[in-house]
Amino acid sequence: MSKNEFDGSEKYDVDQMHDVPQTNLAPEQEGLKRDLRLRHMIMIAVSGTIGTGLFLTSGNTIATAGPGGALLAYVLIGVWLVFVCQAIGEIATLLPLPGAFNAWGARVFDEALSFQMTWMYFINWALTIPAELAAAAVIVEFWIGKDSSFPSWVVPLIIILIMIVINVTGVKAYGEIEYWLSILKVFTILMFIVCGILVDAGAIGGVTYGLKSWSHGDAPFVGGFLAFVKVLVSVGYAYGGSEMTGVTAAESRNPHKHVPKAVNTVLIRIAGFYISSVFLLGAIVNYDDPALQNSEKSAAKAPFTLVFVKAGINAAANYMNAVVFTSIFSAINSDFYVATRMLLSLARNGWAHKSIGYTNSRGVPMVALAIVTSCSCLSLVTIFVGSGVVFNWFVSIIGSIIFQSWIFILLIHFRFRYCWKAQGRAVNDLPYVSWGYPYGNIIATFIGVCCIIGTCYLSVLDPPVNPGDGATEEAIKNFKAARDGYAQGLLGAWFPWVLSAILFFSYKYTRGTKLVKAEEADLDTGRFIPSESDKEDLEVKGPIWKRALKFII
């Protein structure tokens, strides 16, 4: 049953918390449970972005582009992300569908776009799971040692089994686990910021750093413009996951309240966490410090650990290893959740076998979970190939898919507003209005297009030259490393766009889909209808100071 065939006349018992049943549900919403509270929504979005990308790889960004280049990259991608999340917040509050932004394209643009976006987003998370599981095995080596007889594949296998139990239990269990794991990560970053300020000012550690690193060597901008462009994809990978708010909206108890709250508070917190952390790290550790590269992805050499050690926290390596491990566990938990919901959306829209759309009495898509579990078992293969190599290749591809998703979200938002206006609806009728529209979207789209063009250009620049038969062993070794890096850049920059084009045009050709007329766009099926208790929950209560404090924390 397609969206256009669904007339909204069937009733489904998806939310026993409401006073009245919703009667305009989209097919993909059937069977899901609205068990996520506000605290779950906020922490899930925070958790989706704070992970290995910040804890382990932020130092490499500074080493490549310098403290100024790294900070500018995080600020630039952060500005782009701010308006992407605003676009998500506006539409997800109105249409809290399991496919989120991937499903909206069929409503306002072309069904082929939703087909392409949903499959690409599923591929994104299907690749992320084995990458994160392989990283988990590497992190455990810190405690057991690389020469240990303990099989490295046991760790991913145990995590996979735990993920199955969590997901079978239901969305509420997922939300609770993400909430508590996120608190640990947030506490670690806050502790890092406080320690970083004290270390930089010389209050602890005995050395006053100030901004000396910004004038060290070629700093603040190392490697020029090309180095800056080079780190954009890894920064995008670090930020990736913020868009999860749109996906979790389908299982929020009150999307009209929870989605805007999650979007606004998460933006403030992420901006503070990322930008503050990168600035302090770049101020304390010189860009040419070998430890920043952290090629082994070890917590003992993680950039955060370096600052904690300078602060006199001797157990910093063990603590950071524990935090990184829980971050990976949290990320895999989120990966399983999003990947299963993408498969659910694909099945319910007729883009995958209908059996994949089955949900049990707890609202869990069991068949989708089984497929995602099978994909996660690829991690057992990647460990033997070399988890570090696999992780780097996956980062390139995943970062580019994230960029693609963000740019499409902005374009869908432009089209959504056009359809909304064409149907004679007022902007004030929207349950949440994104601020800064359309200028914010224009700025973000410009930043996104420039980033994508820049990474594609960089991927074909200066291909490695074979040194020839008479070359030294060192020269041949360097050539092979450069060749692998060049291939990695090409695959990461171009593969998502080539595959997306194939998915879009093949579906459009075989199904004969056409551009949705603005006046006929379906902006009602799947809308959240608040009950009387929901409306009361939306009312702002309490003194101004308490409301302001609640907004921040």
Protein backbone atom coordinates (compact mmCIF):
# COMPACT_ATOMS: atom_id res chain seq x y z
CA MET A 1 0.00 0.00 0.00
CA SER A 2 1.50 3.32 -1.05
CA LYS A 3 1.09 6.62 0.69
CA ASN A 4 -1.35 7.84 -1.94
CA GLU A 5 -3.55 4.76 -1.49
CA PHE A 6 -3.80 5.19 2.26
CA ASP A 7 -6.86 7.26 3.14
CA GLY A 8 -6.30 7.41 6.85
CA SER A 9 -9.56 5.63 7.67
CA GLU A 10 -7.95 2.69 9.52
CA LYS A 11 -7.18 2.96 13.21
CA TYR A 12 -4.17 1.47 14.91
CA ASP A 13 -3.51 1.09 18.63
CA VAL A 14 0.01 2.57 18.57
CA ASP A 15 -0.24 4.92 21.51
CA GLN A 16 -2.22 3.94 24.53
CA MET A 17 -0.89 7.03 26.31
CA HIS A 18 -3.22 9.29 24.36
CA ASP A 19 -6.81 10.12 25.18
CA VAL A 20 -7.96 9.48 21.62
CA PRO A 21 -6.57 7.26 18.86
CA GLN A 22 -4.95 8.89 15.87
CA THR A 23 -6.80 8.22 12.64
CA ASN A 24 -4.45 9.70 10.04
CA LEU A 25 -1.50 7.37 10.48
CA ALA A 26 0.78 6.55 7.58
CA PRO A 27 1.29 2.81 6.91
CA GLU A 28 4.87 2.91 8.16
CA GLN A 29 3.69 4.14 11.58
CA GLU A 30 1.56 1.06 12.21
CA GLY A 31 2.65 -1.05 15.17
CA LEU A 32 5.22 1.35 16.61
CA LYS A 33 5.08 2.40 20.27
CA ARG A 34 5.43 6.02 21.39
CA ASP A 35 7.59 5.26 24.43
CA LEU A 36 10.36 7.86 24.12
CA ARG A 37 10.27 10.70 26.66
CA LEU A 38 11.85 14.14 26.32
CA ARG A 39 15.00 13.17 28.23
CA HIS A 40 15.43 10.19 25.89
CA MET A 41 15.00 12.36 22.80
CA ILE A 42 17.59 14.90 23.90
CA MET A 43 20.19 12.39 25.01
CA ILE A 44 19.72 10.19 21.94
CA ALA A 45 20.52 13.12 19.68
CA VAL A 46 23.49 14.13 21.87
CA SER A 47 24.69 10.54 22.01
CA GLY A 48 24.47 10.14 18.26
CA THR A 49 27.04 12.89 17.72
CA ILE A 50 29.44 12.55 20.65
CA GLY A 51 31.55 9.48 20.04
CA THR A 52 34.73 8.20 18.48
CA GLY A 53 34.70 11.03 15.94
CA LEU A 54 35.35 13.53 18.75
CA PHE A 55 37.19 11.44 21.32
CA LEU A 56 39.70 9.74 19.01
CA THR A 57 39.97 11.58 15.69
CA SER A 58 39.69 15.27 16.63
CA GLY A 59 43.43 15.37 17.24
CA ASN A 60 44.15 14.23 13.69
CA THR A 61 42.04 17.13 12.42
CA ILE A 62 44.26 19.61 14.29
CA ALA A 63 47.42 17.82 13.12
CA THR A 64 46.29 18.09 9.50
CA ALA A 65 44.82 21.61 9.32
CA GLY A 66 46.28 23.26 12.44
CA PRO A 67 44.33 24.67 15.40
CA GLY A 68 42.78 27.44 13.32
CA GLY A 69 41.90 25.21 10.38
CA ALA A 70 40.35 22.56 12.64
CA LEU A 71 38.33 25.12 14.59
CA LEU A 72 37.08 26.74 11.37
CA ALA A 73 36.08 23.33 10.01
CA TYR A 74 34.06 22.50 13.13
CA VAL A 75 32.41 25.93 13.11
CA LEU A 76 31.59 25.78 9.39
CA ILE A 77 30.10 22.29 9.48
CA GLY A 78 28.36 23.24 12.74
CA VAL A 79 26.61 26.20 11.06
CA TRP A 80 25.49 23.90 8.25
CA LEU A 81 24.21 21.39 10.78
CA VAL A 82 22.30 24.03 12.78
CA PHE A 83 19.99 24.76 9.88
CA VAL A 84 19.75 21.11 8.84
CA CYS A 85 18.42 20.30 12.32
CA GLN A 86 16.04 23.25 12.17
CA ALA A 87 14.64 21.90 8.89
CA ILE A 88 14.28 18.45 10.46
CA GLY A 89 12.60 19.91 13.52
CA GLU A 90 9.97 21.75 11.49
CA ILE A 91 8.90 18.78 9.35
CA ALA A 92 9.40 16.01 11.94
CA THR A 93 7.16 17.85 14.40
CA LEU A 94 4.44 17.87 11.74
CA LEU A 95 5.10 14.44 10.19
CA PRO A 96 6.83 12.11 12.71
CA LEU A 97 7.39 9.20 10.31
CA PRO A 98 9.85 6.32 10.98
CA GLY A 99 11.68 7.15 7.75
CA ALA A 100 11.83 10.83 8.77
CA PHE A 101 13.49 13.05 6.14
CA ASN A 102 14.01 10.05 3.89
CA ALA A 103 10.22 9.62 3.61
CA TRP A 104 9.37 13.30 3.16
CA GLY A 105 10.81 13.48 -0.37
CA ALA A 106 7.99 11.29 -1.70
CA ARG A 107 5.44 13.72 -0.26
CA VAL A 108 6.80 16.94 -1.75
CA PHE A 109 9.18 16.03 -4.57
CA ASP A 110 9.38 12.58 -6.13
CA GLU A 111 8.95 9.07 -4.75
CA ALA A 112 12.25 8.14 -6.41
CA LEU A 113 14.05 10.59 -4.11
CA SER A 114 12.68 8.91 -0.99
CA PHE A 115 13.57 5.49 -2.39
CA GLN A 116 17.14 6.64 -3.01
CA MET A 117 17.56 8.52 0.28
CA THR A 118 16.16 5.73 2.46
CA TRP A 119 18.36 3.08 0.89
CA MET A 120 21.45 5.33 1.14
CA TYR A 121 20.73 6.15 4.77
CA PHE A 122 20.29 2.46 5.56
CA ILE A 123 23.60 1.71 3.81
CA ASN A 124 25.19 4.47 5.88
CA TRP A 125 24.24 2.82 9.17
CA ALA A 126 24.77 -0.71 7.87
CA LEU A 127 28.41 0.27 7.16
CA THR A 128 28.75 2.12 10.46
CA ILE A 129 27.84 -0.92 12.57
CA PRO A 130 30.75 -3.19 11.46
CA ALA A 131 33.12 -0.21 11.59
CA GLU A 132 32.16 0.55 15.20
CA LEU A 133 32.27 -3.13 16.19
CA ALA A 134 35.76 -3.48 14.73
CA ALA A 135 36.79 -0.37 16.67
CA ALA A 136 35.43 -1.93 19.87
CA ALA A 137 37.81 -4.87 19.44
CA VAL A 138 40.73 -2.45 19.09
CA ILE A 139 39.72 -0.54 22.23
CA VAL A 140 39.58 -3.75 24.29
CA GLU A 141 43.17 -4.51 23.23
CA PHE A 142 44.22 -1.62 25.48
CA TRP A 143 43.37 -3.75 28.52
CA ILE A 144 44.14 -7.28 27.33
CA GLY A 145 47.16 -6.44 25.14
CA LYS A 146 47.73 -7.00 21.43
CA ASP A 147 49.58 -10.28 21.99
CA SER A 148 46.81 -11.76 24.10
CA SER A 149 45.43 -15.17 23.14
CA PHE A 150 41.92 -13.81 23.69
CA PRO A 151 40.07 -13.99 20.31
CA SER A 152 39.37 -10.47 19.00
CA TRP A 153 36.09 -11.54 17.40
CA VAL A 154 34.54 -12.39 20.79
CA VAL A 155 34.03 -8.73 21.75
CA PRO A 156 31.91 -7.82 18.68
CA LEU A 157 29.97 -11.06 19.05
CA ILE A 158 29.08 -10.28 22.67
CA ILE A 159 28.03 -6.74 21.72
CA ILE A 160 25.86 -8.06 18.89
CA LEU A 161 24.07 -10.45 21.27
CA ILE A 162 23.49 -7.62 23.76
CA MET A 163 22.12 -5.43 20.95
CA ILE A 164 19.64 -8.13 20.00
CA VAL A 165 18.36 -8.33 23.58
CA ILE A 166 18.05 -4.54 23.88
CA ASN A 167 16.21 -4.15 20.59
CA VAL A 168 13.86 -7.08 21.20
CA THR A 169 12.89 -5.55 24.54
CA GLY A 170 11.55 -2.43 22.82
CA VAL A 171 12.24 1.22 22.12
CA LYS A 172 11.93 2.19 25.79
CA ALA A 173 14.92 0.01 26.72
CA TYR A 174 16.90 1.56 23.89
CA GLY A 175 16.02 5.06 25.11
CA GLU A 176 16.97 4.32 28.73
CA ILE A 177 20.37 2.85 27.81
CA GLU A 178 21.17 5.78 25.51
CA TYR A 179 20.19 8.21 28.23
CA TRP A 180 22.57 6.84 30.86
CA LEU A 181 25.47 6.23 28.48
CA SER A 182 25.08 9.77 27.15
CA ILE A 183 25.34 11.21 30.65
CA LEU A 184 28.79 9.63 31.01
CA LYS A 185 29.95 11.17 27.72
CA VAL A 186 28.56 14.59 28.56
CA PHE A 187 30.21 14.46 31.99
CA THR A 188 33.55 13.56 30.37
CA ILE A 189 33.40 16.48 27.95
CA LEU A 190 32.43 18.92 30.69
CA MET A 191 35.32 17.61 32.80
CA PHE A 192 37.64 18.00 29.80
CA ILE A 193 36.54 21.60 29.22
CA VAL A 194 37.09 22.52 32.89
CA CYS A 195 40.48 20.77 32.97
CA GLY A 196 41.39 22.31 29.63
CA ILE A 197 40.70 25.84 30.85
CA LEU A 198 42.70 25.27 34.04
CA VAL A 199 45.62 23.66 32.18
CA ASP A 200 45.67 26.35 29.50
CA ALA A 201 45.66 29.11 32.14
CA GLY A 202 48.43 27.39 34.12
CA ALA A 203 46.27 26.89 37.21
CA ILE A 204 47.18 23.19 37.15
CA GLY A 205 50.10 21.48 35.47
CA GLY A 206 52.53 24.33 36.11
CA VAL A 207 52.64 25.55 32.48
CA THR A 208 50.71 28.50 31.06
CA TYR A 209 49.85 27.70 27.44
CA GLY A 210 47.54 30.54 26.45
CA LEU A 211 47.45 30.69 22.65
CA LYS A 212 51.13 29.93 22.06
CA SER A 213 50.25 26.94 19.89
CA TRP A 214 48.47 29.27 17.47
CA SER A 215 51.79 30.91 16.59
CA HIS A 216 53.84 27.70 16.66
CA GLY A 217 55.42 26.78 13.32
CA ASP A 218 52.92 27.14 10.46
CA ALA A 219 49.96 27.57 12.82
CA PRO A 220 47.18 28.51 13.03
CA PHE A 221 46.39 27.31 9.48
CA VAL A 222 48.59 24.38 8.49
CA GLY A 223 48.67 23.03 4.96
CA GLY A 224 46.61 25.88 3.54
CA PHE A 225 43.19 25.58 1.93
CA LEU A 226 43.66 21.98 0.71
CA ALA A 227 44.37 20.73 4.23
CA PHE A 228 41.26 22.51 5.45
CA VAL A 229 39.12 20.83 2.78
CA LYS A 230 40.73 17.49 3.58
CA VAL A 231 39.42 17.46 7.16
CA LEU A 232 35.84 18.42 6.30
CA VAL A 233 34.66 14.84 5.72
CA SER A 234 36.11 13.61 9.02
CA VAL A 235 34.46 16.56 10.80
CA GLY A 236 31.19 15.67 9.10
CA TYR A 237 31.61 12.09 10.31
CA ALA A 238 32.16 13.41 13.85
CA TYR A 239 28.97 15.48 13.69
CA GLY A 240 26.96 12.74 11.99
CA GLY A 241 23.99 11.50 13.99
CA SER A 242 22.42 14.83 14.89
CA GLU A 243 19.75 14.15 12.30
CA MET A 244 18.56 11.14 14.34
CA THR A 245 16.06 13.43 16.10
CA GLY A 246 13.86 13.16 13.02
CA VAL A 247 13.90 9.35 13.14
CA THR A 248 13.14 9.09 16.86
CA ALA A 249 10.20 11.51 16.46
CA ALA A 250 8.07 8.59 15.23
CA GLU A 251 8.28 6.99 18.66
CA SER A 252 8.15 10.13 20.79
CA ARG A 253 5.22 10.44 23.20
CA ASN A 254 4.62 14.04 22.18
CA PRO A 255 6.49 15.13 19.00
CA HIS A 256 5.00 18.65 19.19
CA LYS A 257 6.88 19.21 22.43
CA HIS A 258 9.81 16.81 22.30
CA VAL A 259 11.17 17.38 18.78
CA PRO A 260 11.54 21.20 19.02
CA LYS A 261 13.00 20.87 22.50
CA ALA A 262 15.47 18.23 21.39
CA VAL A 263 16.48 20.20 18.29
CA ASN A 264 17.06 23.48 20.12
CA THR A 265 18.86 22.14 23.20
CA VAL A 266 21.01 19.69 21.25
CA LEU A 267 22.25 22.44 18.95
CA ILE A 268 23.35 24.55 21.91
CA ARG A 269 25.08 21.66 23.64
CA ILE A 270 26.84 20.25 20.60
CA ALA A 271 28.12 23.66 19.56
CA GLY A 272 29.52 24.17 23.05
CA PHE A 273 30.94 20.67 23.37
CA TYR A 274 32.62 20.40 19.98
CA ILE A 275 33.85 23.93 19.40
CA SER A 276 35.03 24.42 22.99
CA SER A 277 36.80 21.06 23.06
CA VAL A 278 38.58 21.55 19.74
CA PHE A 279 39.62 25.10 20.67
CA LEU A 280 41.09 24.00 24.02
CA LEU A 281 42.81 20.98 22.53
CA GLY A 282 44.37 23.13 19.80
CA ALA A 283 45.50 25.68 22.40
CA ILE A 284 47.25 23.14 24.66
CA VAL A 285 48.77 20.63 22.21
CA ASN A 286 50.90 21.74 19.25
CA TYR A 287 49.69 20.58 15.86
CA ASP A 288 53.00 18.77 15.17
CA ASP A 289 52.83 16.69 18.35
CA PRO A 290 53.05 13.05 17.09
CA ALA A 291 50.47 11.97 19.69
CA LEU A 292 47.75 13.96 17.92
CA GLN A 293 47.85 11.67 14.89
CA ASN A 294 46.85 8.66 17.04
CA SER A 295 47.11 6.34 14.07
CA GLU A 296 46.49 3.34 16.34
CA LYS A 297 43.18 4.84 17.59
CA SER A 298 44.36 4.09 21.12
CA ALA A 299 42.79 5.74 24.16
CA ALA A 300 46.28 6.06 25.67
CA LYS A 301 47.15 8.44 22.85
CA ALA A 302 43.72 10.01 22.40
CA PRO A 303 43.78 13.85 22.34
CA PHE A 304 41.51 14.09 25.37
CA THR A 305 43.86 11.82 27.31
CA LEU A 306 46.80 14.15 26.63
CA VAL A 307 45.02 17.06 28.31
CA PHE A 308 43.92 14.95 31.28
CA VAL A 309 47.50 13.77 31.77
CA LYS A 310 48.73 17.38 31.72
CA ALA A 311 46.11 18.09 34.38
CA GLY A 312 47.70 15.44 36.60
CA ILE A 313 44.99 12.79 36.22
CA ASN A 314 47.21 9.68 36.11
CA ALA A 315 44.38 7.26 35.43
CA ALA A 316 43.30 9.27 32.38
CA ALA A 317 44.15 6.55 29.84
CA ASN A 318 42.08 3.91 31.60
CA TYR A 319 39.21 6.32 32.16
CA MET A 320 39.19 7.51 28.52
CA ASN A 321 39.38 3.93 27.28
CA ALA A 322 36.28 3.12 29.31
CA VAL A 323 34.50 6.22 28.00
CA VAL A 324 35.45 5.46 24.40
CA PHE A 325 34.27 1.87 24.77
CA THR A 326 30.90 2.97 26.20
CA SER A 327 30.69 5.55 23.40
CA ILE A 328 31.16 2.83 20.81
CA PHE A 329 28.57 0.66 22.57
CA SER A 330 26.16 3.61 22.61
CA ALA A 331 26.83 4.34 18.93
CA ILE A 332 26.17 0.71 17.96
CA ASN A 333 22.94 0.82 19.97
CA SER A 334 21.84 3.87 17.95
CA ASP A 335 23.03 2.27 14.71
CA PHE A 336 20.83 -0.77 15.29
CA TYR A 337 17.85 1.43 16.08
CA VAL A 338 18.14 3.69 13.02
CA ALA A 339 19.01 0.88 10.60
CA THR A 340 15.97 -1.18 11.62
CA ARG A 341 13.68 1.86 11.28
CA MET A 342 15.04 2.55 7.79
CA LEU A 343 14.29 -1.03 6.76
CA LEU A 344 10.83 -0.68 8.28
CA SER A 345 10.23 2.45 6.22
CA LEU A 346 11.49 0.73 3.06
CA ALA A 347 9.16 -2.22 3.58
CA ARG A 348 6.08 -0.17 4.51
CA ASN A 349 6.53 1.98 1.39
CA GLY A 350 6.88 -1.02 -0.92
CA TRP A 351 10.60 -0.50 -1.54
CA ALA A 352 11.62 -3.75 0.16
CA HIS A 353 9.83 -7.03 0.84
CA LYS A 354 6.71 -6.44 2.90
CA SER A 355 7.71 -9.07 5.49
CA ILE A 356 10.51 -6.76 6.64
CA GLY A 357 7.83 -4.37 7.89
CA TYR A 358 6.51 -6.82 10.51
CA THR A 359 6.47 -5.54 14.11
CA ASN A 360 5.76 -7.58 17.23
CA SER A 361 3.52 -6.61 20.15
CA ARG A 362 6.28 -4.42 21.61
CA GLY A 363 6.60 -2.44 18.39
CA VAL A 364 9.92 -4.05 17.40
CA PRO A 365 10.55 -4.68 13.66
CA MET A 366 11.81 -8.24 14.16
CA VAL A 367 12.65 -9.14 10.55
CA ALA A 368 14.46 -5.84 10.08
CA LEU A 369 16.38 -6.51 13.29
CA ALA A 370 17.45 -9.92 11.97
CA ILE A 371 18.75 -8.34 8.74
CA VAL A 372 20.66 -5.63 10.60
CA THR A 373 22.14 -8.29 12.88
CA SER A 374 23.36 -10.17 9.80
CA CYS A 375 24.99 -6.98 8.48
CA SER A 376 26.70 -6.44 11.82
CA CYS A 377 28.35 -9.85 11.53
CA LEU A 378 30.50 -8.38 8.74
CA SER A 379 32.55 -6.91 11.59
CA LEU A 380 33.83 -10.41 12.33
CA VAL A 381 35.39 -10.39 8.85
CA THR A 382 36.78 -6.85 9.02
CA ILE A 383 38.77 -7.71 12.15
CA PHE A 384 40.88 -10.19 10.17
CA VAL A 385 41.33 -7.70 7.31
CA GLY A 386 42.52 -5.00 9.73
CA SER A 387 40.06 -2.94 11.73
CA GLY A 388 42.07 0.27 11.47
CA VAL A 389 42.16 0.09 7.67
CA VAL A 390 38.47 -0.76 7.43
CA PHE A 391 37.54 2.05 9.83
CA ASN A 392 39.36 4.69 7.73
CA TRP A 393 37.73 3.53 4.50
CA PHE A 394 34.29 3.50 6.12
CA VAL A 395 34.80 7.01 7.55
CA SER A 396 35.36 8.35 4.02
CA ILE A 397 32.20 6.74 2.64
CA ILE A 398 30.01 7.43 5.67
CA GLY A 399 31.12 11.08 5.87
CA SER A 400 30.16 11.64 2.23
CA ILE A 401 26.76 9.96 2.69
CA ILE A 402 26.11 12.22 5.69
CA PHE A 403 26.94 15.28 3.58
CA GLN A 404 24.57 14.01 0.90
CA SER A 405 21.75 13.47 3.39
CA TRP A 406 22.16 16.95 4.87
CA ILE A 407 22.05 18.72 1.53
CA PHE A 408 18.94 16.77 0.48
CA ILE A 409 17.24 17.60 3.78
CA LEU A 410 17.69 21.32 3.08
CA LEU A 411 16.37 20.95 -0.47
CA ILE A 412 13.34 18.98 0.79
CA HIS A 413 12.67 21.73 3.34
CA PHE A 414 12.68 24.36 0.56
CA ARG A 415 10.20 22.26 -1.40
CA PHE A 416 8.07 21.56 1.70
CA ARG A 417 7.65 25.26 2.39
CA TYR A 418 6.77 25.85 -1.26
CA CYS A 419 4.08 23.12 -1.16
CA TRP A 420 2.76 24.40 2.17
CA LYS A 421 2.35 27.90 0.74
CA ALA A 422 0.91 26.62 -2.56
CA GLN A 423 -1.90 24.91 -0.62
CA GLY A 424 -2.84 28.19 1.03
CA ARG A 425 -1.55 27.24 4.47
CA ALA A 426 -0.01 29.79 6.81
CA VAL A 427 3.46 29.30 8.27
CA ASN A 428 2.02 30.04 11.71
CA ASP A 429 -0.10 26.88 11.38
CA LEU A 430 3.02 24.74 11.63
CA PRO A 431 3.52 23.24 15.11
CA TYR A 432 7.18 24.33 14.96
CA VAL A 433 8.71 26.97 12.67
CA SER A 434 12.43 26.78 11.91
CA TRP A 435 14.15 30.05 12.67
CA GLY A 436 16.24 31.81 10.07
CA TYR A 437 14.28 30.51 7.06
CA PRO A 438 14.97 31.02 4.17
CA TYR A 439 18.29 32.82 4.71
CA GLY A 440 19.65 30.19 7.07
CA ASN A 441 18.82 27.44 4.58
CA ILE A 442 20.47 29.40 1.77
CA ILE A 443 23.66 29.88 3.80
CA ALA A 444 23.69 26.22 4.86
CA THR A 445 23.07 25.02 1.30
CA PHE A 446 25.93 27.17 0.03
CA ILE A 447 28.26 25.77 2.71
CA GLY A 448 27.15 22.23 1.93
CA VAL A 449 27.59 22.53 -1.84
CA CYS A 450 31.05 24.07 -1.38
CA CYS A 451 32.08 21.27 1.00
CA ILE A 452 30.88 18.57 -1.39
CA ILE A 453 32.55 20.15 -4.43
CA GLY A 454 35.73 20.67 -2.42
CA THR A 455 35.96 17.05 -1.30
CA CYS A 456 35.25 15.76 -4.82
CA TYR A 457 37.90 18.07 -6.26
CA LEU A 458 40.43 17.05 -3.63
CA SER A 459 39.83 13.36 -4.35
CA VAL A 460 41.09 13.66 -7.96
CA LEU A 461 43.93 16.08 -7.24
CA ASP A 462 47.56 14.91 -7.53
CA PRO A 463 47.23 11.18 -8.26
CA PRO A 464 50.29 9.18 -7.07
CA VAL A 465 52.97 8.41 -9.66
CA ASN A 466 54.59 4.98 -9.81
CA PRO A 467 58.32 5.40 -9.04
CA GLY A 468 59.26 2.66 -11.51
CA ASP A 469 61.13 -0.63 -11.31
CA GLY A 470 64.40 0.88 -10.14
CA ALA A 471 62.87 2.62 -7.14
CA THR A 472 63.96 1.91 -3.60
CA GLU A 473 61.92 -0.23 -1.27
CA GLU A 474 61.00 2.88 0.75
CA ALA A 475 59.79 4.70 -2.39
CA ILE A 476 57.64 1.73 -3.41
CA LYS A 477 56.19 1.52 0.09
CA ASN A 478 55.32 5.23 0.05
CA PHE A 479 53.74 4.87 -3.40
CA LYS A 480 51.51 2.01 -2.26
CA ALA A 481 50.41 3.99 0.80
CA ALA A 482 49.66 7.04 -1.39
CA ARG A 483 47.81 4.85 -3.90
CA ASP A 484 45.63 3.35 -1.17
CA GLY A 485 44.91 6.81 0.22
CA TYR A 486 44.02 8.11 -3.24
CA ALA A 487 41.67 5.18 -3.88
CA GLN A 488 40.09 5.73 -0.47
CA GLY A 489 39.49 9.40 -1.30
CA LEU A 490 37.98 8.58 -4.69
CA LEU A 491 35.66 5.93 -3.28
CA GLY A 492 34.57 8.11 -0.37
CA ALA A 493 33.88 11.21 -2.45
CA TRP A 494 32.22 9.68 -5.52
CA PHE A 495 30.71 6.31 -4.56
CA PRO A 496 27.70 7.74 -2.64
CA TRP A 497 26.78 10.04 -5.53
CA VAL A 498 27.18 7.37 -8.22
CA LEU A 499 25.12 4.87 -6.24
CA SER A 500 22.48 7.51 -5.46
CA ALA A 501 22.14 8.37 -9.15
CA ILE A 502 21.71 4.68 -10.01
CA LEU A 503 19.05 4.21 -7.32
CA PHE A 504 17.16 7.38 -8.22
CA PHE A 505 17.03 7.01 -12.01
CA SER A 506 16.50 3.23 -12.02
CA TYR A 507 13.48 3.61 -9.72
CA LYS A 508 12.17 6.60 -11.65
CA TYR A 509 12.51 4.73 -14.95
CA THR A 510 10.96 1.44 -13.77
CA ARG A 511 8.12 3.04 -11.79
CA GLY A 512 7.54 6.06 -14.00
CA THR A 513 7.37 8.46 -11.05
CA LYS A 514 6.83 12.17 -11.60
CA LEU A 515 7.38 15.38 -9.70
CA VAL A 516 4.64 15.85 -7.10
CA LYS A 517 2.52 18.91 -7.82
CA ALA A 518 2.74 21.39 -4.97
CA GLU A 519 -1.03 21.68 -4.70
CA GLU A 520 -1.40 17.88 -4.43
CA ALA A 521 1.41 17.19 -1.96
CA ASP A 522 0.26 15.02 0.96
CA LEU A 523 1.07 17.03 4.07
CA ASP A 524 -1.52 15.43 6.34
CA THR A 525 -1.21 11.63 6.36
CA GLY A 526 0.92 10.68 9.35
CA ARG A 527 0.49 14.01 11.19
CA PHE A 528 0.63 13.82 14.96
CA ILE A 529 -2.72 14.72 16.51
CA PRO A 530 -2.16 15.85 20.11
CA SER A 531 -4.67 14.71 22.70
CA GLU A 532 -6.01 16.97 25.42
CA SER A 533 -3.29 15.81 27.81
CA ASP A 534 -0.69 16.52 25.11
CA LYS A 535 -2.02 20.04 24.69
CA GLU A 536 -1.81 20.63 28.42
CA ASP A 537 1.76 19.29 28.35
CA LEU A 538 2.63 21.91 25.70
CA GLU A 539 1.66 24.78 27.98
CA VAL A 540 4.63 26.72 29.33
CA LYS A 541 4.48 26.80 33.11
CA GLY A 542 6.57 28.19 35.97
CA PRO A 543 8.52 31.43 36.49
CA ILE A 544 10.72 32.85 33.72
CA TRP A 545 14.00 31.92 35.41
CA LYS A 546 12.93 28.29 35.76
CA ARG A 547 11.79 28.11 32.15
CA ALA A 548 15.08 29.61 30.95
CA LEU A 549 17.09 27.16 33.05
CA LYS A 550 15.00 24.24 31.84
CA PHE A 551 15.58 25.31 28.22
CA ILE A 552 19.35 25.19 28.71
CA ILE A 553 19.58 21.97 30.70
